[in-house]
Amino acid sequence: MAGSPSARAIASVAGDGLTPEQITELLEGTCVPDWPSVWRFVHVLGAEPAFFQPLWEAAHRATARLEDLPSSPLPAPSPPARETAVSTSDRLATLMQEFGRTLVKDPKDIFMAE
C-alpha cells in the first residue's frame, strides 16, 4: 500500500469522517473540505498538519471569494495541449515521491501494514 495508496485505503486508515469520495475530491482539487477533514487526511499520511493549515486557509478564503461572485456562464475550456490523462494514484505517487521526505521522516512509514 505504501507509495500509492488508494482513496479507499486512506479512508480505512482515517476511520470515520473521510469517505473515499471525499479523499478523491481532495486529491483532485475539486473541493476544499473543512479543516478537521484536511487535518485528518494529512495526519493519516504522516505529515504535519500545521504545515498545511495556512495553505488550507488560503484555499478556503479563495473559495469563499469565488462563491461571492455573481454566477455567469464560463466560456468552454480549451482542449488540453497534448496532455495525457494521469490517474489519481499516479498523481499521488508522484507527489509523495517529490515531497515525501519533506512530509514524513521516513516515507516507508506512511502506512503501517494492515
C-alpha atoms as a PDB file:
ATOM      1  CA  MET A   1       0.000   0.000   0.000  1.00  0.00           C
ATOM      2  CA  ALA A   2       2.904   2.401   0.593  1.00  0.00           C
ATOM      3  CA  GLY A   3       3.778   4.618  -2.324  1.00  0.00           C
ATOM      4  CA  SER A   4       0.381   4.937  -3.985  1.00  0.00           C
ATOM      5  CA  PRO A   5      -2.432   4.134  -1.568  1.00  0.00           C
ATOM      6  CA  SER A   6      -5.966   4.185  -2.942  1.00  0.00           C
ATOM      7  CA  ALA A   7      -8.586   6.590  -1.660  1.00  0.00           C
ATOM      8  CA  ARG A   8     -10.331   3.583  -0.108  1.00  0.00           C
ATOM      9  CA  ALA A   9      -7.134   2.555   1.736  1.00  0.00           C
ATOM     10  CA  ILE A  10      -6.625   6.092   3.054  1.00  0.00           C
ATOM     11  CA  ALA A  11     -10.282   6.238   4.166  1.00  0.00           C
ATOM     12  CA  SER A  12      -9.983   2.928   6.016  1.00  0.00           C
ATOM     13  CA  VAL A  13      -6.945   4.196   7.925  1.00  0.00           C
ATOM     14  CA  ALA A  14      -8.599   7.582   8.583  1.00  0.00           C
ATOM     15  CA  GLY A  15     -11.656   5.968  10.133  1.00  0.00           C
ATOM     16  CA  ASP A  16     -14.922   7.858  10.481  1.00  0.00           C
ATOM     17  CA  GLY A  17     -15.222  11.203   8.794  1.00  0.00           C
ATOM     18  CA  LEU A  18     -13.448  10.731   5.470  1.00  0.00           C
ATOM     19  CA  THR A  19     -15.031   8.829   2.613  1.00  0.00           C
ATOM     20  CA  PRO A  20     -13.113   7.572  -0.417  1.00  0.00           C
ATOM     21  CA  GLU A  21     -15.104  10.065  -2.497  1.00  0.00           C
ATOM     22  CA  GLN A  22     -14.028  12.991  -0.291  1.00  0.00           C
ATOM     23  CA  ILE A  23     -10.406  11.873  -0.476  1.00  0.00           C
ATOM     24  CA  THR A  24     -10.598  11.626  -4.259  1.00  0.00           C
ATOM     25  CA  GLU A  25     -12.096  15.133  -4.475  1.00  0.00           C
ATOM     26  CA  LEU A  26      -9.419  16.471  -2.130  1.00  0.00           C
ATOM     27  CA  LEU A  27      -6.621  14.926  -4.206  1.00  0.00           C
ATOM     28  CA  GLU A  28      -8.150  16.150  -7.467  1.00  0.00           C
ATOM     29  CA  GLY A  29      -8.559  19.652  -6.045  1.00  0.00           C
ATOM     30  CA  THR A  30     -12.286  19.726  -6.823  1.00  0.00           C
ATOM     31  CA  CYS A  31     -13.302  20.719  -3.298  1.00  0.00           C
ATOM     32  CA  VAL A  32     -11.979  22.445  -0.207  1.00  0.00           C
ATOM     33  CA  PRO A  33     -13.193  20.357   2.721  1.00  0.00           C
ATOM     34  CA  ASP A  34     -13.429  21.657   6.263  1.00  0.00           C
ATOM     35  CA  TRP A  35     -10.215  21.889   8.308  1.00  0.00           C
ATOM     36  CA  PRO A  36     -10.935  18.843  10.515  1.00  0.00           C
ATOM     37  CA  SER A  37     -11.224  16.683   7.385  1.00  0.00           C
ATOM     38  CA  VAL A  38      -7.986  18.072   5.940  1.00  0.00           C
ATOM     39  CA  TRP A  39      -6.245  17.655   9.304  1.00  0.00           C
ATOM     40  CA  ARG A  40      -7.341  14.008   9.457  1.00  0.00           C
ATOM     41  CA  PHE A  41      -6.195  13.387   5.859  1.00  0.00           C
ATOM     42  CA  VAL A  42      -2.772  14.997   6.413  1.00  0.00           C
ATOM     43  CA  HIS A  43      -2.349  13.208   9.739  1.00  0.00           C
ATOM     44  CA  VAL A  44      -3.150   9.813   8.166  1.00  0.00           C
ATOM     45  CA  LEU A  45      -0.461  10.430   5.558  1.00  0.00           C
ATOM     46  CA  GLY A  46       2.012  11.046   8.376  1.00  0.00           C
ATOM     47  CA  ALA A  47       2.567  14.712   7.616  1.00  0.00           C
ATOM     48  CA  GLU A  48       2.495  17.725   9.925  1.00  0.00           C
ATOM     49  CA  PRO A  49      -0.972  19.372   9.809  1.00  0.00           C
ATOM     50  CA  ALA A  50       0.433  22.728  10.986  1.00  0.00           C
ATOM     51  CA  PHE A  51       2.396  22.977   7.730  1.00  0.00           C
ATOM     52  CA  PHE A  52      -0.790  22.603   5.673  1.00  0.00           C
ATOM     53  CA  GLN A  53      -3.130  24.812   7.711  1.00  0.00           C
ATOM     54  CA  PRO A  54      -2.012  28.123   6.102  1.00  0.00           C
ATOM     55  CA  LEU A  55      -2.414  26.506   2.676  1.00  0.00           C
ATOM     56  CA  TRP A  56      -5.912  25.328   3.585  1.00  0.00           C
ATOM     57  CA  GLU A  57      -6.804  28.786   4.933  1.00  0.00           C
ATOM     58  CA  ALA A  58      -5.717  30.412   1.658  1.00  0.00           C
ATOM     59  CA  ALA A  59      -7.702  27.884  -0.393  1.00  0.00           C
ATOM     60  CA  HIS A  60     -10.720  28.322   1.867  1.00  0.00           C
ATOM     61  CA  ARG A  61     -10.585  32.132   1.511  1.00  0.00           C
ATOM     62  CA  ALA A  62     -10.228  31.863  -2.273  1.00  0.00           C
ATOM     63  CA  THR A  63     -13.209  29.515  -2.449  1.00  0.00           C
ATOM     64  CA  ALA A  64     -15.301  31.876  -0.324  1.00  0.00           C
ATOM     65  CA  ARG A  65     -14.427  34.779  -2.632  1.00  0.00           C
ATOM     66  CA  LEU A  66     -15.441  32.713  -5.677  1.00  0.00           C
ATOM     67  CA  GLU A  67     -18.770  31.862  -4.069  1.00  0.00           C
ATOM     68  CA  ASP A  68     -19.435  35.591  -3.606  1.00  0.00           C
ATOM     69  CA  LEU A  69     -19.032  36.317  -7.331  1.00  0.00           C
ATOM     70  CA  PRO A  70     -22.192  36.642  -9.404  1.00  0.00           C
ATOM     71  CA  SER A  71     -22.896  33.496 -11.341  1.00  0.00           C
ATOM     72  CA  SER A  72     -22.358  33.795 -15.047  1.00  0.00           C
ATOM     73  CA  PRO A  73     -21.656  31.163 -17.627  1.00  0.00           C
ATOM     74  CA  LEU A  74     -17.988  30.455 -18.105  1.00  0.00           C
ATOM     75  CA  PRO A  75     -16.527  30.061 -21.575  1.00  0.00           C
ATOM     76  CA  ALA A  76     -15.941  26.497 -22.670  1.00  0.00           C
ATOM     77  CA  PRO A  77     -12.465  25.340 -21.686  1.00  0.00           C
ATOM     78  CA  SER A  78      -9.880  24.889 -24.395  1.00  0.00           C
ATOM     79  CA  PRO A  79      -8.842  21.310 -25.015  1.00  0.00           C
ATOM     80  CA  PRO A  80      -5.595  20.403 -23.263  1.00  0.00           C
ATOM     81  CA  ALA A  81      -2.456  20.734 -25.338  1.00  0.00           C
ATOM     82  CA  ARG A  82      -1.282  17.142 -25.829  1.00  0.00           C
ATOM     83  CA  GLU A  83      -1.655  16.223 -22.185  1.00  0.00           C
ATOM     84  CA  THR A  84      -2.135  12.644 -21.205  1.00  0.00           C
ATOM     85  CA  ALA A  85      -4.581  11.602 -18.539  1.00  0.00           C
ATOM     86  CA  VAL A  86      -2.895  10.936 -15.208  1.00  0.00           C
ATOM     87  CA  SER A  87      -4.651   8.737 -12.694  1.00  0.00           C
ATOM     88  CA  THR A  88      -5.154   9.866  -9.112  1.00  0.00           C
ATOM     89  CA  SER A  89      -2.893   7.096  -7.864  1.00  0.00           C
ATOM     90  CA  ASP A  90      -0.127   8.138 -10.291  1.00  0.00           C
ATOM     91  CA  ARG A  91      -0.556  11.744  -9.185  1.00  0.00           C
ATOM     92  CA  LEU A  92      -0.359  10.779  -5.519  1.00  0.00           C
ATOM     93  CA  ALA A  93       2.678   8.580  -6.150  1.00  0.00           C
ATOM     94  CA  THR A  94       4.426  11.469  -7.916  1.00  0.00           C
ATOM     95  CA  LEU A  95       3.568  13.902  -5.104  1.00  0.00           C
ATOM     96  CA  MET A  96       4.755  11.502  -2.433  1.00  0.00           C
ATOM     97  CA  GLN A  97       7.961  10.839  -4.385  1.00  0.00           C
ATOM     98  CA  GLU A  98       8.604  14.565  -4.709  1.00  0.00           C
ATOM     99  CA  PHE A  99       7.504  15.689  -1.247  1.00  0.00           C
ATOM    100  CA  GLY A 100       7.542  12.523   0.837  1.00  0.00           C
ATOM    101  CA  ARG A 101      10.796  13.317   2.591  1.00  0.00           C
ATOM    102  CA  THR A 102       9.522  16.781   3.433  1.00  0.00           C
ATOM    103  CA  LEU A 103       6.227  15.496   4.777  1.00  0.00           C
ATOM    104  CA  VAL A 104       7.385  12.496   6.788  1.00  0.00           C
ATOM    105  CA  LYS A 105      10.546  11.371   8.470  1.00  0.00           C
ATOM    106  CA  ASP A 106      10.583   8.039   6.664  1.00  0.00           C
ATOM    107  CA  PRO A 107       8.330   7.705   3.580  1.00  0.00           C
ATOM    108  CA  LYS A 108       8.116   3.946   4.230  1.00  0.00           C
ATOM    109  CA  ASP A 109       6.223   4.710   7.445  1.00  0.00           C
ATOM    110  CA  ILE A 110       3.323   6.477   5.752  1.00  0.00           C
ATOM    111  CA  PHE A 111       1.125   3.437   6.271  1.00  0.00           C
ATOM    112  CA  MET A 112       1.718   0.597   8.608  1.00  0.00           C
ATOM    113  CA  ALA A 113       0.984  -2.914   7.415  1.00  0.00           C
ATOM    114  CA  GLU A 114      -2.646  -3.835   7.888  1.00  0.00           C
END
